[in-house]
Amino acid sequence: MVDQIKNNPYANIAGTQTKEAEKKPSDELGQDDFMTLMLAQMKHQDPMNPMENGDFMAQLAQFRTSTGIDQLNSNFNSFAKTMQSSQALQASTLVGREVLIPGNWGTLPPDGTLNGSVELPASASSVNLTIYSTAGDLIGEVPMGSHPAGQAAFSWDGRLADGTQLPPGRYQVGAEAIIGGKREGVGTYVAAKVESVSMSSGREPVLNLANVGPMGFSEVREIR
């Protein structure tokens, strides 16, 4: 029986595996384990049927690929946590400030202004801000003049072109522009105040906006 163990080329390998199993879960294979098994395999290979160099290189390449993927995943997870912490820190400084978000509903405060901007895909010879009631009725238009392509900021104090002063409250805004001689609707952004920030693991910060509700941090176009 002793001779059988001595003549068994894999006896030492089994003993090594038993000791390693006490140190780590059986489904984990580290670099030292791999090299030990590889050297033992080469040492005890069948002389009549030796391992081809290609087989050895294939196994080594497979191990390196697996190790590289594990390192890549670890580095990516670390990077993701760093980015999330950075976003959380930045988002926490926004409480009490205004941010510009996509949308067409804004609040006109008492003795204040409803702020926002218009997105122009090209230079416009004329831009008009349209104001709607909460029922969706067109109340009036506010001329903004000509603007180049890009963001055209507006600040509306509740007064229409004919001098009518509208009361504070919620209003729906829209915009039309004359581009290339044609009138077309264009996108709008409105300013909203950040009341608080909600955080959750693995997700981006959520801003809780006054009179708007929750909105993802990535939706913010501008911080004011």
Protein backbone atom coordinates (compact mmCIF):
# COMPACT_ATOMS: atom_id res chain seq x y z
CA MET A 1 0.00 0.00 0.00
CA VAL A 2 2.92 2.34 0.87
CA ASP A 3 4.57 1.47 -2.42
CA GLN A 4 1.38 2.31 -4.27
CA ILE A 5 1.32 5.73 -2.68
CA LYS A 6 5.00 6.30 -3.47
CA ASN A 7 4.49 5.23 -7.07
CA ASN A 8 1.40 7.40 -7.47
CA PRO A 9 2.61 10.59 -9.23
CA TYR A 10 -0.48 12.51 -8.10
CA ALA A 11 -0.22 11.67 -4.36
CA ASN A 12 1.71 14.82 -3.51
CA ILE A 13 -0.68 16.89 -5.61
CA ALA A 14 -3.64 15.52 -3.67
CA GLY A 15 -1.90 16.31 -0.38
CA THR A 16 -1.22 19.85 -1.50
CA GLN A 17 -4.81 20.31 -2.61
CA THR A 18 -6.06 19.02 0.78
CA LYS A 19 -3.96 21.57 2.67
CA GLU A 20 -5.02 24.39 0.34
CA ALA A 21 -8.67 23.40 0.72
CA GLU A 22 -8.39 24.11 4.43
CA LYS A 23 -7.26 27.64 3.64
CA LYS A 24 -9.77 28.62 0.94
CA PRO A 25 -13.04 27.43 -0.61
CA SER A 26 -12.67 24.47 -2.98
CA ASP A 27 -14.00 26.46 -5.95
CA GLU A 28 -11.18 29.05 -5.81
CA LEU A 29 -7.93 28.59 -7.75
CA GLY A 30 -5.17 31.11 -7.18
CA GLN A 31 -2.04 31.77 -9.19
CA ASP A 32 0.17 29.66 -6.89
CA ASP A 33 -2.27 26.75 -7.13
CA PHE A 34 -2.32 26.95 -10.90
CA MET A 35 1.48 26.99 -11.23
CA THR A 36 1.86 24.12 -8.75
CA LEU A 37 -0.58 21.95 -10.69
CA MET A 38 0.99 22.92 -14.01
CA LEU A 39 4.52 21.99 -12.86
CA ALA A 40 3.27 18.73 -11.37
CA GLN A 41 1.47 17.94 -14.60
CA MET A 42 4.65 18.50 -16.60
CA LYS A 43 6.80 16.53 -14.15
CA HIS A 44 4.53 13.50 -14.07
CA GLN A 45 3.37 13.49 -17.68
CA ASP A 46 3.48 10.27 -19.67
CA PRO A 47 6.91 10.06 -21.38
CA MET A 48 5.27 8.22 -24.27
CA ASN A 49 2.73 10.98 -24.71
CA PRO A 50 4.28 14.26 -23.48
CA MET A 51 2.36 17.47 -23.36
CA GLU A 52 2.65 19.56 -26.49
CA ASN A 53 4.02 23.07 -26.15
CA GLY A 54 0.80 24.35 -27.66
CA ASP A 55 -1.25 22.67 -24.93
CA PHE A 56 0.88 24.22 -22.21
CA MET A 57 0.65 27.70 -23.76
CA ALA A 58 -3.11 27.33 -24.21
CA GLN A 59 -3.60 26.53 -20.53
CA LEU A 60 -1.33 29.39 -19.49
CA ALA A 61 -3.14 31.82 -21.79
CA GLN A 62 -6.50 30.66 -20.42
CA PHE A 63 -5.36 31.31 -16.86
CA ARG A 64 -3.96 34.73 -17.74
CA THR A 65 -7.20 35.66 -19.48
CA SER A 66 -9.24 34.63 -16.45
CA THR A 67 -6.93 36.53 -14.11
CA GLY A 68 -7.06 39.61 -16.34
CA ILE A 69 -10.86 39.59 -16.39
CA ASP A 70 -10.98 39.31 -12.60
CA GLN A 71 -8.58 42.25 -12.23
CA LEU A 72 -10.56 44.27 -14.77
CA ASN A 73 -13.81 43.63 -12.91
CA SER A 74 -12.18 44.58 -9.62
CA ASN A 75 -10.77 47.81 -11.06
CA PHE A 76 -14.10 48.69 -12.70
CA ASN A 77 -16.03 48.13 -9.46
CA SER A 78 -13.56 50.35 -7.63
CA PHE A 79 -13.91 53.03 -10.30
CA ALA A 80 -17.73 52.83 -10.16
CA LYS A 81 -17.70 53.29 -6.37
CA THR A 82 -15.40 56.30 -6.71
CA MET A 83 -17.67 57.88 -9.33
CA GLN A 84 -20.76 57.26 -7.20
CA SER A 85 -19.09 58.86 -4.16
CA SER A 86 -18.08 61.86 -6.28
CA GLN A 87 -21.63 62.24 -7.59
CA ALA A 88 -23.05 61.97 -4.07
CA LEU A 89 -20.69 64.66 -2.80
CA GLN A 90 -21.53 66.97 -5.68
CA ALA A 91 -25.27 66.34 -5.37
CA SER A 92 -25.25 67.12 -1.63
CA THR A 93 -24.00 70.65 -2.38
CA LEU A 94 -27.02 71.36 -4.57
CA VAL A 95 -29.59 71.57 -1.77
CA GLY A 96 -31.13 75.06 -1.85
CA ARG A 97 -29.79 75.85 -5.31
CA GLU A 98 -31.49 75.97 -8.72
CA VAL A 99 -30.83 73.46 -11.49
CA LEU A 100 -31.90 73.53 -15.11
CA ILE A 101 -33.84 70.44 -16.18
CA PRO A 102 -35.68 69.41 -19.36
CA GLY A 103 -39.39 70.14 -19.17
CA ASN A 104 -42.05 72.76 -19.73
CA TRP A 105 -43.62 73.25 -16.30
CA GLY A 106 -42.31 76.03 -14.08
CA THR A 107 -43.31 78.01 -11.03
CA LEU A 108 -43.67 81.78 -10.96
CA PRO A 109 -42.94 82.81 -7.35
CA PRO A 110 -44.32 85.97 -5.72
CA ASP A 111 -42.17 88.94 -6.72
CA GLY A 112 -39.87 86.57 -8.58
CA THR A 113 -39.21 85.13 -12.02
CA LEU A 114 -39.72 81.85 -13.83
CA ASN A 115 -36.32 80.99 -15.29
CA GLY A 116 -35.32 78.61 -18.03
CA SER A 117 -33.86 78.34 -21.51
CA VAL A 118 -34.78 77.38 -25.06
CA GLU A 119 -32.84 74.83 -27.10
CA LEU A 120 -32.22 76.12 -30.63
CA PRO A 121 -30.93 73.58 -33.20
CA ALA A 122 -29.88 76.44 -35.50
CA SER A 123 -29.74 80.21 -35.62
CA ALA A 124 -33.21 81.74 -35.27
CA SER A 125 -34.32 85.10 -36.56
CA SER A 126 -37.09 85.22 -33.98
CA VAL A 127 -37.90 83.29 -30.79
CA ASN A 128 -41.17 83.51 -28.88
CA LEU A 129 -41.86 82.08 -25.44
CA THR A 130 -45.43 80.79 -25.18
CA ILE A 131 -47.26 80.72 -21.84
CA TYR A 132 -50.08 78.28 -21.01
CA SER A 133 -52.38 77.95 -18.04
CA THR A 134 -52.59 74.77 -15.96
CA ALA A 135 -55.60 73.83 -18.11
CA GLY A 136 -53.46 74.02 -21.23
CA ASP A 137 -54.96 77.25 -22.59
CA LEU A 138 -52.60 79.60 -24.42
CA ILE A 139 -52.35 82.80 -22.39
CA GLY A 140 -49.88 84.78 -24.42
CA GLU A 141 -46.44 85.04 -25.97
CA VAL A 142 -43.25 86.75 -24.82
CA PRO A 143 -40.86 87.78 -27.64
CA MET A 144 -37.21 86.84 -27.05
CA GLY A 145 -35.71 88.29 -30.23
CA SER A 146 -33.12 86.59 -32.43
CA HIS A 147 -30.59 84.06 -31.10
CA PRO A 148 -27.77 81.88 -32.43
CA ALA A 149 -27.87 78.09 -32.21
CA GLY A 150 -27.66 76.64 -28.72
CA GLN A 151 -29.19 77.70 -25.41
CA ALA A 152 -31.23 80.93 -25.25
CA ALA A 153 -31.91 81.81 -21.62
CA PHE A 154 -35.12 83.47 -20.48
CA SER A 155 -36.35 84.99 -17.23
CA TRP A 156 -40.09 85.65 -17.12
CA ASP A 157 -41.54 87.92 -14.41
CA GLY A 158 -45.17 87.02 -15.13
CA ARG A 159 -45.79 89.98 -17.41
CA LEU A 160 -47.13 89.46 -20.93
CA ALA A 161 -46.25 91.52 -23.99
CA ASP A 162 -49.35 93.70 -23.55
CA GLY A 163 -48.36 94.54 -19.96
CA THR A 164 -50.74 92.12 -18.25
CA GLN A 165 -49.32 90.87 -14.94
CA LEU A 166 -50.18 87.22 -14.21
CA PRO A 167 -50.46 85.94 -10.62
CA PRO A 168 -47.86 83.61 -9.04
CA GLY A 169 -48.32 79.90 -9.60
CA ARG A 170 -47.59 77.03 -11.93
CA TYR A 171 -47.38 77.69 -15.66
CA GLN A 172 -46.61 75.65 -18.70
CA VAL A 173 -44.10 77.17 -21.11
CA GLY A 174 -43.29 76.41 -24.71
CA ALA A 175 -41.22 78.04 -27.43
CA GLU A 176 -41.44 78.65 -31.13
CA ALA A 177 -38.65 79.88 -33.36
CA ILE A 178 -38.33 81.01 -36.97
CA ILE A 179 -35.42 79.04 -38.40
CA GLY A 180 -34.61 79.29 -42.07
CA GLY A 181 -37.81 81.20 -42.66
CA LYS A 182 -39.98 78.50 -41.11
CA ARG A 183 -41.73 78.54 -37.73
CA GLU A 184 -41.16 75.44 -35.59
CA GLY A 185 -41.45 74.35 -32.00
CA VAL A 186 -38.25 73.97 -29.98
CA GLY A 187 -37.41 72.32 -26.69
CA THR A 188 -37.42 74.07 -23.34
CA TYR A 189 -35.67 73.74 -20.00
CA VAL A 190 -36.94 75.14 -16.71
CA ALA A 191 -35.20 76.01 -13.46
CA ALA A 192 -36.23 74.23 -10.26
CA LYS A 193 -35.03 74.45 -6.67
CA VAL A 194 -33.36 71.42 -5.07
CA GLU A 195 -35.03 70.62 -1.75
CA SER A 196 -33.19 67.42 -0.89
CA VAL A 197 -31.10 64.59 -2.34
CA SER A 198 -31.91 60.87 -2.11
CA MET A 199 -29.12 58.26 -2.23
CA SER A 200 -29.30 54.53 -2.88
CA SER A 201 -26.55 51.96 -3.37
CA GLY A 202 -25.66 51.26 -6.98
CA ARG A 203 -27.80 54.08 -8.37
CA GLU A 204 -27.24 57.71 -9.23
CA PRO A 205 -28.33 60.42 -6.77
CA VAL A 206 -31.94 61.57 -7.11
CA LEU A 207 -32.74 65.25 -6.70
CA ASN A 208 -36.06 66.12 -5.08
CA LEU A 209 -37.16 69.32 -6.81
CA ALA A 210 -39.72 71.83 -5.55
CA ASN A 211 -43.03 71.58 -7.44
CA VAL A 212 -41.47 69.02 -9.79
CA GLY A 213 -40.65 65.87 -7.84
CA PRO A 214 -37.73 63.46 -8.05
CA MET A 215 -35.31 63.58 -10.97
CA GLY A 216 -32.03 61.76 -11.65
CA PHE A 217 -28.82 63.72 -11.25
CA SER A 218 -27.81 62.91 -14.85
CA GLU A 219 -30.87 64.84 -16.13
CA VAL A 220 -29.50 68.15 -14.84
CA ARG A 221 -28.46 70.42 -17.70
CA GLU A 222 -27.07 73.30 -15.67
CA ILE A 223 -26.43 74.23 -12.04
CA ARG A 224 -27.22 77.80 -11.10
